[in-house]
Amino acid sequence: MSKQGRVFGLGALHSKILPACDVSSNAPEASEEVEMITQGLQEVEAEIKQSREENLQFQKRLENMETLVQSITNLSV
């Protein structure tokens, strides 16, 4: 990277690929965006945790049903 903040070898692509790298003008927006992404990530993590808990409950119910069916089958024989 040069002293001017340019990446060597990108040439004119620099302005198309890295327009948000001007930290001085985009710092408040970037901070808000990071906060929104963090909040969204926390919401997704909470949903995943709830889904895992529900999945465990369903697995336990299924195991109980399988045990019940097995017991009924053994009684019928």
C-alpha atoms as a PDB file:
ATOM      1  CA  MET A   1       0.000   0.000   0.000  1.00  0.00           C
ATOM      2  CA  SER A   2       1.336   3.418  -0.873  1.00  0.00           C
ATOM      3  CA  LYS A   3       1.457   6.497   1.343  1.00  0.00           C
ATOM      4  CA  GLN A   4      -1.670   7.743  -0.410  1.00  0.00           C
ATOM      5  CA  GLY A   5      -3.632   4.708   0.738  1.00  0.00           C
ATOM      6  CA  ARG A   6      -3.714   3.067  -2.654  1.00  0.00           C
ATOM      7  CA  VAL A   7      -3.205  -0.650  -3.122  1.00  0.00           C
ATOM      8  CA  PHE A   8      -0.449  -1.351  -5.638  1.00  0.00           C
ATOM      9  CA  GLY A   9      -1.690  -3.001  -8.811  1.00  0.00           C
ATOM     10  CA  LEU A  10      -5.363  -2.041  -8.630  1.00  0.00           C
ATOM     11  CA  GLY A  11      -5.091   1.085 -10.720  1.00  0.00           C
ATOM     12  CA  ALA A  12      -8.489   2.531 -11.654  1.00  0.00           C
ATOM     13  CA  LEU A  13     -10.268  -0.410  -9.959  1.00  0.00           C
ATOM     14  CA  HIS A  14      -9.385   1.082  -6.578  1.00  0.00           C
ATOM     15  CA  SER A  15     -12.269   3.562  -6.761  1.00  0.00           C
ATOM     16  CA  LYS A  16     -14.738   0.818  -7.716  1.00  0.00           C
ATOM     17  CA  ILE A  17     -13.612  -1.853  -5.254  1.00  0.00           C
ATOM     18  CA  LEU A  18     -12.722   0.188  -2.191  1.00  0.00           C
ATOM     19  CA  PRO A  19     -14.951   3.286  -2.183  1.00  0.00           C
ATOM     20  CA  ALA A  20     -15.834   2.854   1.509  1.00  0.00           C
ATOM     21  CA  CYS A  21     -12.220   2.998   2.611  1.00  0.00           C
ATOM     22  CA  ASP A  22     -12.354   6.749   3.103  1.00  0.00           C
ATOM     23  CA  VAL A  23     -12.583   6.406   6.884  1.00  0.00           C
ATOM     24  CA  SER A  24     -12.847  10.097   7.627  1.00  0.00           C
ATOM     25  CA  SER A  25     -16.146  10.582   5.774  1.00  0.00           C
ATOM     26  CA  ASN A  26     -17.717   7.184   6.475  1.00  0.00           C
ATOM     27  CA  ALA A  27     -16.796   6.593  10.135  1.00  0.00           C
ATOM     28  CA  PRO A  28     -20.253   7.393  11.639  1.00  0.00           C
ATOM     29  CA  GLU A  29     -22.036   5.360   8.964  1.00  0.00           C
ATOM     30  CA  ALA A  30     -19.635   2.446   9.393  1.00  0.00           C
ATOM     31  CA  SER A  31     -20.142   2.493  13.142  1.00  0.00           C
ATOM     32  CA  GLU A  32     -23.926   2.389  12.733  1.00  0.00           C
ATOM     33  CA  GLU A  33     -23.617  -0.393  10.177  1.00  0.00           C
ATOM     34  CA  VAL A  34     -21.423  -2.443  12.507  1.00  0.00           C
ATOM     35  CA  GLU A  35     -23.955  -1.918  15.306  1.00  0.00           C
ATOM     36  CA  MET A  36     -26.816  -3.054  13.059  1.00  0.00           C
ATOM     37  CA  ILE A  37     -24.881  -6.120  11.916  1.00  0.00           C
ATOM     38  CA  THR A  38     -23.982  -6.971  15.506  1.00  0.00           C
ATOM     39  CA  GLN A  39     -27.609  -6.662  16.588  1.00  0.00           C
ATOM     40  CA  GLY A  40     -28.734  -8.815  13.654  1.00  0.00           C
ATOM     41  CA  LEU A  41     -26.137 -11.435  14.530  1.00  0.00           C
ATOM     42  CA  GLN A  42     -27.328 -11.527  18.131  1.00  0.00           C
ATOM     43  CA  GLU A  43     -30.911 -12.034  16.957  1.00  0.00           C
ATOM     44  CA  VAL A  44     -29.874 -14.885  14.656  1.00  0.00           C
ATOM     45  CA  GLU A  45     -27.872 -16.509  17.458  1.00  0.00           C
ATOM     46  CA  ALA A  46     -30.929 -16.321  19.753  1.00  0.00           C
ATOM     47  CA  GLU A  47     -33.094 -17.917  17.065  1.00  0.00           C
ATOM     48  CA  ILE A  48     -30.548 -20.704  16.558  1.00  0.00           C
ATOM     49  CA  LYS A  49     -30.423 -21.355  20.297  1.00  0.00           C
ATOM     50  CA  GLN A  50     -34.219 -21.565  20.462  1.00  0.00           C
ATOM     51  CA  SER A  51     -34.309 -23.883  17.434  1.00  0.00           C
ATOM     52  CA  ARG A  52     -31.731 -26.182  19.034  1.00  0.00           C
ATOM     53  CA  GLU A  53     -33.759 -26.347  22.238  1.00  0.00           C
ATOM     54  CA  GLU A  54     -36.934 -27.157  20.296  1.00  0.00           C
ATOM     55  CA  ASN A  55     -35.031 -29.792  18.313  1.00  0.00           C
ATOM     56  CA  LEU A  56     -33.870 -31.444  21.547  1.00  0.00           C
ATOM     57  CA  GLN A  57     -37.448 -31.483  22.847  1.00  0.00           C
ATOM     58  CA  PHE A  58     -38.665 -33.128  19.633  1.00  0.00           C
ATOM     59  CA  GLN A  59     -35.858 -35.695  19.817  1.00  0.00           C
ATOM     60  CA  LYS A  60     -36.842 -36.609  23.375  1.00  0.00           C
ATOM     61  CA  ARG A  61     -40.505 -36.927  22.403  1.00  0.00           C
ATOM     62  CA  LEU A  62     -39.577 -39.115  19.441  1.00  0.00           C
ATOM     63  CA  GLU A  63     -37.417 -41.338  21.644  1.00  0.00           C
ATOM     64  CA  ASN A  64     -40.313 -41.662  24.124  1.00  0.00           C
ATOM     65  CA  MET A  65     -42.686 -42.595  21.300  1.00  0.00           C
ATOM     66  CA  GLU A  66     -40.218 -45.167  19.950  1.00  0.00           C
ATOM     67  CA  THR A  67     -39.914 -46.676  23.425  1.00  0.00           C
ATOM     68  CA  LEU A  68     -43.703 -46.791  23.732  1.00  0.00           C
ATOM     69  CA  VAL A  69     -44.120 -48.446  20.328  1.00  0.00           C
ATOM     70  CA  GLN A  70     -41.419 -50.965  21.201  1.00  0.00           C
ATOM     71  CA  SER A  71     -43.206 -51.751  24.499  1.00  0.00           C
ATOM     72  CA  ILE A  72     -46.549 -52.227  22.729  1.00  0.00           C
ATOM     73  CA  THR A  73     -44.903 -54.420  20.099  1.00  0.00           C
ATOM     74  CA  ASN A  74     -43.319 -56.619  22.801  1.00  0.00           C
ATOM     75  CA  LEU A  75     -46.689 -56.999  24.564  1.00  0.00           C
ATOM     76  CA  SER A  76     -48.411 -58.032  21.341  1.00  0.00           C
ATOM     77  CA  VAL A  77     -45.945 -60.856  20.664  1.00  0.00           C
END
